[in-house]
Protein backbone atom coordinates (compact mmCIF):
# COMPACT_ATOMS: atom_id res chain seq x y z
CA MET A 1 0.00 0.00 0.00
CA ASN A 2 2.82 2.44 0.72
CA LYS A 3 4.17 2.00 -2.78
CA ILE A 4 5.80 5.07 -4.23
CA GLY A 5 6.04 5.44 -7.98
CA PHE A 6 8.10 8.06 -9.75
CA ASN A 7 7.41 9.25 -13.27
CA LYS A 8 9.49 11.86 -15.05
CA ILE A 9 6.98 14.57 -15.40
CA GLY A 10 8.39 16.76 -12.57
CA ASN A 11 10.70 17.60 -9.73
CA LEU A 12 8.59 18.57 -6.74
CA LYS A 13 10.37 20.74 -4.23
CA LEU A 14 9.25 22.29 -1.00
CA ASN A 15 10.01 25.91 -0.27
CA LYS A 16 10.05 24.90 3.40
CA GLY A 17 10.41 21.63 5.31
CA VAL A 18 7.66 19.00 5.36
CA SER A 19 6.65 20.03 8.87
CA GLU A 20 5.88 23.54 7.62
CA ILE A 21 3.42 22.50 4.90
CA ASN A 22 0.07 24.17 5.42
CA SER A 23 -1.76 20.93 6.23
CA MET A 24 -5.15 22.57 6.60
CA ASN A 25 -5.04 23.91 3.08
CA VAL A 26 -3.86 20.57 1.71
CA LYS A 27 -6.66 18.83 3.64
CA GLU A 28 -9.22 21.27 2.23
CA LEU A 29 -7.98 20.58 -1.30
CA LEU A 30 -8.12 16.85 -0.64
CA GLU A 31 -11.66 17.12 0.78
CA ASN A 32 -12.78 18.83 -2.42
CA ILE A 33 -11.15 16.34 -4.79
CA THR A 34 -12.22 13.33 -2.67
CA ARG A 35 -15.84 14.46 -2.71
CA LYS A 36 -15.73 14.83 -6.51
CA ILE A 37 -14.10 11.48 -7.21
CA SER A 38 -16.44 9.69 -4.78
CA LEU A 39 -19.49 10.98 -6.64
CA ARG A 40 -18.00 9.96 -9.98
CA ALA A 41 -16.93 6.54 -8.65
CA GLU A 42 -20.48 5.77 -7.55
CA ARG A 43 -21.66 6.32 -11.14
CA GLU A 44 -18.68 5.27 -13.26
CA VAL A 45 -16.88 2.44 -11.46
CA PRO A 46 -18.60 -0.93 -11.93
CA GLU A 47 -18.59 -3.69 -9.32
CA TYR A 48 -16.95 -6.06 -11.81
CA GLY A 49 -14.78 -5.85 -14.91
CA GLU A 50 -13.08 -3.22 -17.02
CA PHE A 51 -13.78 0.51 -16.90
CA LYS A 52 -12.16 3.74 -17.99
CA ALA A 53 -10.00 5.25 -15.25
CA VAL A 54 -11.83 7.83 -13.13
CA GLU A 55 -9.64 10.82 -12.37
CA GLU A 56 -10.10 14.16 -10.66
CA SER A 57 -7.50 16.88 -10.28
CA ILE A 58 -7.32 20.16 -8.47
CA VAL A 59 -4.92 23.07 -8.75
CA ASN A 60 -2.81 23.41 -5.64
CA THR A 61 -3.36 26.78 -3.95
CA ASP A 62 -1.05 26.03 -1.02
CA LYS A 63 2.00 28.13 -1.87
CA THR A 64 4.19 26.37 0.72
CA LEU A 65 4.05 23.25 -1.45
CA GLU A 66 5.68 23.61 -4.84
CA ALA A 67 3.23 21.27 -6.56
CA THR A 68 0.91 22.59 -9.21
CA ASP A 69 -1.70 19.81 -9.06
CA LEU A 70 -3.08 17.08 -6.83
CA ARG A 71 -4.93 14.19 -8.47
CA LEU A 72 -6.85 11.13 -7.38
CA LYS A 73 -7.31 8.33 -9.89
CA ILE A 74 -9.25 5.07 -9.59
CA VAL A 75 -8.19 2.20 -11.85
CA LYS A 76 -8.86 -1.53 -12.13
CA ALA A 77 -6.28 -3.69 -10.33
CA PRO A 78 -3.58 -5.17 -12.61
CA LYS A 79 -4.53 -8.37 -14.42
CA GLY A 80 -1.94 -10.41 -12.50
CA ALA A 81 -3.56 -9.59 -9.15
CA GLU A 82 -5.83 -12.13 -7.49
CA ASN A 83 -9.50 -11.11 -7.94
CA HIS A 84 -8.42 -8.35 -10.33
CA GLU A 85 -11.89 -8.23 -11.88
CA ILE A 86 -13.42 -6.79 -8.69
CA LEU A 87 -10.47 -4.93 -7.16
CA ARG A 88 -9.75 -1.25 -7.72
CA ASP A 89 -6.71 0.90 -6.81
CA VAL A 90 -6.85 4.57 -5.82
CA TYR A 91 -3.74 6.57 -6.66
CA LEU A 92 -2.75 9.92 -5.21
CA ILE A 93 -0.63 11.82 -7.74
CA VAL A 94 1.30 14.98 -6.96
CA SER A 95 2.69 16.84 -9.95
CA ASN A 96 4.55 19.97 -10.91
CA ARG A 97 3.88 20.92 -14.52
CA PRO A 98 6.75 23.41 -14.97
CA THR A 99 9.43 20.86 -14.04
CA GLY A 100 7.79 17.82 -15.58
CA TYR A 101 7.87 15.44 -12.58
CA GLU A 102 5.13 13.63 -10.73
CA ALA A 103 5.03 11.16 -7.85
CA GLN A 104 2.27 8.72 -7.11
CA ARG A 105 1.24 6.30 -4.41
CA ILE A 106 -1.60 3.82 -3.98
CA VAL A 107 -3.63 5.26 -1.09
CA ALA A 108 -6.53 2.79 -1.13
CA PHE A 109 -7.46 -0.51 -2.73
CA GLY A 110 -10.31 -2.97 -2.60
CA THR A 111 -13.75 -3.53 -4.05
CA LYS A 112 -15.87 -0.61 -5.18
CA ASP A 113 -17.74 -0.54 -1.84
CA GLU A 114 -14.52 -0.76 0.19
CA ILE A 115 -13.01 2.13 -1.75
CA LEU A 116 -16.11 4.30 -1.36
CA LYS A 117 -16.10 3.66 2.41
CA LYS A 118 -12.38 4.45 2.62
CA LEU A 119 -12.81 7.70 0.67
CA ALA A 120 -15.65 8.74 3.01
CA SER A 121 -13.59 8.17 6.16
CA GLY A 122 -11.87 11.04 7.96
CA GLU A 123 -8.81 8.82 8.28
CA PHE A 124 -8.39 8.86 4.50
CA LEU A 125 -7.99 12.65 4.41
CA SER A 126 -5.38 12.62 7.17
CA ASP A 127 -3.44 9.80 5.52
CA ALA A 128 -3.65 11.46 2.10
CA ALA A 129 -2.38 14.79 3.50
CA LYS A 130 0.61 12.97 4.99
CA SER A 131 1.17 11.21 1.67
CA VAL A 132 1.24 14.54 -0.20
CA ALA A 133 4.00 15.77 2.13
CA GLU A 134 5.93 12.48 1.91
CA LEU A 135 5.75 12.32 -1.89
CA ALA A 136 6.98 15.89 -2.18
CA GLU A 137 9.81 15.11 0.25
CA LYS A 138 10.82 11.96 -1.67
CA LEU A 139 11.09 13.96 -4.88
CA LYS A 140 13.24 16.67 -3.34
CA GLY A 141 16.55 16.83 -5.11
CA LEU A 142 15.64 14.58 -8.06
């Protein structure tokens, strides 16, 4: 679950240390994007089988974090995974368009119902806010 993936679309840097990130603002952004993707997932993610990835992004307004966008994306589990027809992965993606880097992490996985419950939990927002800070920190200096 705490998988970190790096793609060369950008080098995320923090103007300040991770502890100084404005967590409230990041949490507010995550609340907004989580609400949107949850509504779309209810309509667009089937219980079984293939589907087009469901993705929502939001422009980062927290100037202490040098990321331009935060995204959540729900995809079908890879074909090699056991029960891949019913399992879904939720990725958190932090990107910085000017530098071309992004970092991603699976922040939830399970059936459609399990994912919807996870997205609705307050724990998800806290964990996702920590993940934003950790992903940005991991990309520092790349």
